[in-house]
């Protein structure tokens, strides 16, 4: 599957969070990020648009 979007992380917050997780949780995070990059329409359970912003999601 090809990438539909690029992910950008603010400063090193994600890296610090990711490094603190167990290997099992890290695998789940990577799986979710891959889904976000590759599918056309992302279910809100994975990614929610922040109101009154331009392109920010949580």
N, C-alpha and C. Protein backbone atom coordinates (compact mmCIF):
# COMPACT_ATOMS: atom_id res chain seq x y z
N UNK A 1 0.84 -1.19 0.00
CA UNK A 1 0.00 0.00 0.00
C UNK A 1 0.89 1.25 0.00
N UNK A 2 0.51 2.27 -0.73
CA UNK A 2 1.31 3.49 -0.79
C UNK A 2 0.83 4.50 0.25
N UNK A 3 1.71 5.41 0.61
CA UNK A 3 1.38 6.43 1.60
C UNK A 3 0.40 7.44 1.02
N UNK A 4 -0.60 7.79 1.81
CA UNK A 4 -1.57 8.81 1.44
C UNK A 4 -1.23 10.14 2.09
N UNK A 5 -0.44 10.09 3.17
CA UNK A 5 -0.10 11.31 3.89
C UNK A 5 1.22 11.13 4.63
N UNK A 6 1.81 12.25 5.02
CA UNK A 6 3.04 12.26 5.80
C UNK A 6 2.70 12.64 7.24
N UNK A 7 3.39 12.04 8.17
CA UNK A 7 3.20 12.37 9.58
C UNK A 7 4.38 13.20 10.06
N UNK A 8 4.08 14.24 10.82
CA UNK A 8 5.10 15.10 11.40
C UNK A 8 4.85 15.18 12.90
N UNK A 9 5.92 15.12 13.66
CA UNK A 9 5.80 15.15 15.11
C UNK A 9 6.46 16.41 15.65
N UNK A 10 5.81 17.05 16.59
CA UNK A 10 6.28 18.30 17.17
C UNK A 10 7.40 18.04 18.16
N UNK A 11 8.53 18.69 17.92
CA UNK A 11 9.72 18.56 18.77
C UNK A 11 10.04 17.10 19.02
N UNK A 12 10.38 16.71 20.24
CA UNK A 12 10.73 15.31 20.53
C UNK A 12 9.73 14.67 21.49
N UNK A 13 8.53 15.26 21.59
CA UNK A 13 7.53 14.75 22.53
C UNK A 13 7.12 13.32 22.21
N UNK A 14 6.86 13.06 20.94
CA UNK A 14 6.44 11.71 20.57
C UNK A 14 7.55 10.71 20.83
N UNK A 15 8.78 11.04 20.47
CA UNK A 15 9.89 10.11 20.65
C UNK A 15 10.07 9.75 22.12
N UNK A 16 9.98 10.73 22.99
CA UNK A 16 10.11 10.47 24.44
C UNK A 16 8.97 9.58 24.93
N UNK A 17 7.74 9.88 24.48
CA UNK A 17 6.59 9.07 24.86
C UNK A 17 6.76 7.64 24.37
N UNK A 18 7.12 7.49 23.10
CA UNK A 18 7.27 6.18 22.46
C UNK A 18 8.34 5.35 23.17
N UNK A 19 9.47 5.96 23.48
CA UNK A 19 10.57 5.24 24.14
C UNK A 19 10.19 4.74 25.53
N UNK A 20 9.25 5.39 26.18
CA UNK A 20 8.83 4.99 27.53
C UNK A 20 7.84 3.83 27.53
N UNK A 21 7.36 3.42 26.35
CA UNK A 21 6.35 2.37 26.27
C UNK A 21 6.99 0.98 26.20
N UNK A 22 6.19 -0.02 26.56
CA UNK A 22 6.64 -1.40 26.43
C UNK A 22 6.71 -1.76 24.94
N UNK A 23 7.40 -2.84 24.64
CA UNK A 23 7.53 -3.28 23.24
C UNK A 23 6.16 -3.56 22.62
N UNK A 24 5.26 -4.16 23.40
CA UNK A 24 3.92 -4.47 22.90
C UNK A 24 3.17 -3.19 22.53
N UNK A 25 3.25 -2.17 23.37
CA UNK A 25 2.58 -0.90 23.11
C UNK A 25 3.24 -0.19 21.92
N UNK A 26 4.55 -0.26 21.81
CA UNK A 26 5.25 0.34 20.68
C UNK A 26 4.78 -0.26 19.37
N UNK A 27 4.57 -1.58 19.33
CA UNK A 27 4.08 -2.24 18.11
C UNK A 27 2.68 -1.74 17.76
N UNK A 28 1.83 -1.55 18.76
CA UNK A 28 0.48 -1.04 18.52
C UNK A 28 0.53 0.39 17.98
N UNK A 29 1.42 1.20 18.53
CA UNK A 29 1.56 2.58 18.07
C UNK A 29 2.00 2.60 16.62
N UNK A 30 3.02 1.81 16.28
CA UNK A 30 3.50 1.76 14.90
C UNK A 30 2.43 1.27 13.94
N UNK A 31 1.65 0.28 14.36
CA UNK A 31 0.56 -0.24 13.53
C UNK A 31 -0.46 0.87 13.26
N UNK A 32 -0.82 1.61 14.29
CA UNK A 32 -1.79 2.69 14.15
C UNK A 32 -1.25 3.79 13.24
N UNK A 33 0.01 4.16 13.39
CA UNK A 33 0.60 5.19 12.54
C UNK A 33 0.65 4.74 11.08
N UNK A 34 0.90 3.47 10.85
CA UNK A 34 0.91 2.94 9.49
C UNK A 34 -0.49 3.05 8.87
N UNK A 35 -1.51 2.73 9.65
CA UNK A 35 -2.89 2.86 9.18
C UNK A 35 -3.18 4.31 8.80
N UNK A 36 -2.79 5.24 9.65
CA UNK A 36 -3.02 6.66 9.41
C UNK A 36 -2.34 7.11 8.13
N UNK A 37 -1.14 6.61 7.86
CA UNK A 37 -0.42 6.99 6.65
C UNK A 37 -1.02 6.39 5.38
N UNK A 38 -1.61 5.21 5.47
CA UNK A 38 -1.94 4.45 4.27
C UNK A 38 -3.40 4.43 3.84
N UNK A 39 -4.34 4.61 4.74
CA UNK A 39 -5.73 4.50 4.30
C UNK A 39 -6.30 5.87 3.95
N UNK A 40 -7.25 5.89 3.01
CA UNK A 40 -7.83 7.15 2.54
C UNK A 40 -8.64 7.85 3.62
N UNK A 41 -9.56 7.13 4.22
CA UNK A 41 -10.45 7.72 5.22
C UNK A 41 -10.17 7.07 6.57
N UNK A 42 -9.68 7.87 7.47
CA UNK A 42 -9.27 7.37 8.79
C UNK A 42 -10.44 7.46 9.76
N UNK A 43 -10.82 6.35 10.39
CA UNK A 43 -11.89 6.39 11.38
C UNK A 43 -11.51 7.32 12.54
N UNK A 44 -12.48 8.02 13.09
CA UNK A 44 -12.23 8.97 14.16
C UNK A 44 -11.64 8.31 15.40
N UNK A 45 -11.78 7.02 15.54
CA UNK A 45 -11.20 6.32 16.68
C UNK A 45 -9.67 6.44 16.67
N UNK A 46 -9.08 6.59 15.48
CA UNK A 46 -7.63 6.71 15.36
C UNK A 46 -7.15 8.15 15.33
N UNK A 47 -7.92 9.04 14.74
CA UNK A 47 -7.45 10.40 14.51
C UNK A 47 -8.64 11.34 14.50
N UNK A 48 -8.60 12.37 15.34
CA UNK A 48 -9.70 13.31 15.46
C UNK A 48 -9.19 14.72 15.15
N UNK A 49 -9.88 15.40 14.22
CA UNK A 49 -9.51 16.76 13.84
C UNK A 49 -9.82 17.71 15.00
N UNK A 50 -8.87 18.59 15.30
CA UNK A 50 -9.08 19.58 16.35
C UNK A 50 -9.85 20.76 15.77
N UNK A 51 -10.97 21.12 16.38
CA UNK A 51 -11.81 22.20 15.88
C UNK A 51 -11.05 23.53 15.88
N UNK A 52 -11.42 24.37 14.93
CA UNK A 52 -10.82 25.70 14.79
C UNK A 52 -9.33 25.67 14.52
N UNK A 53 -8.86 24.62 13.85
CA UNK A 53 -7.45 24.53 13.48
C UNK A 53 -7.35 24.18 12.00
N UNK A 54 -6.19 24.36 11.47
CA UNK A 54 -5.94 24.01 10.07
C UNK A 54 -4.96 22.85 10.02
N UNK A 55 -5.47 21.64 9.94
CA UNK A 55 -4.62 20.48 9.78
C UNK A 55 -4.02 19.90 11.05
N UNK A 56 -4.58 20.22 12.22
CA UNK A 56 -4.10 19.62 13.46
C UNK A 56 -5.04 18.52 13.92
N UNK A 57 -4.43 17.41 14.30
CA UNK A 57 -5.21 16.25 14.75
C UNK A 57 -4.64 15.72 16.04
N UNK A 58 -5.49 14.98 16.79
CA UNK A 58 -5.00 14.33 18.00
C UNK A 58 -5.35 12.86 17.94
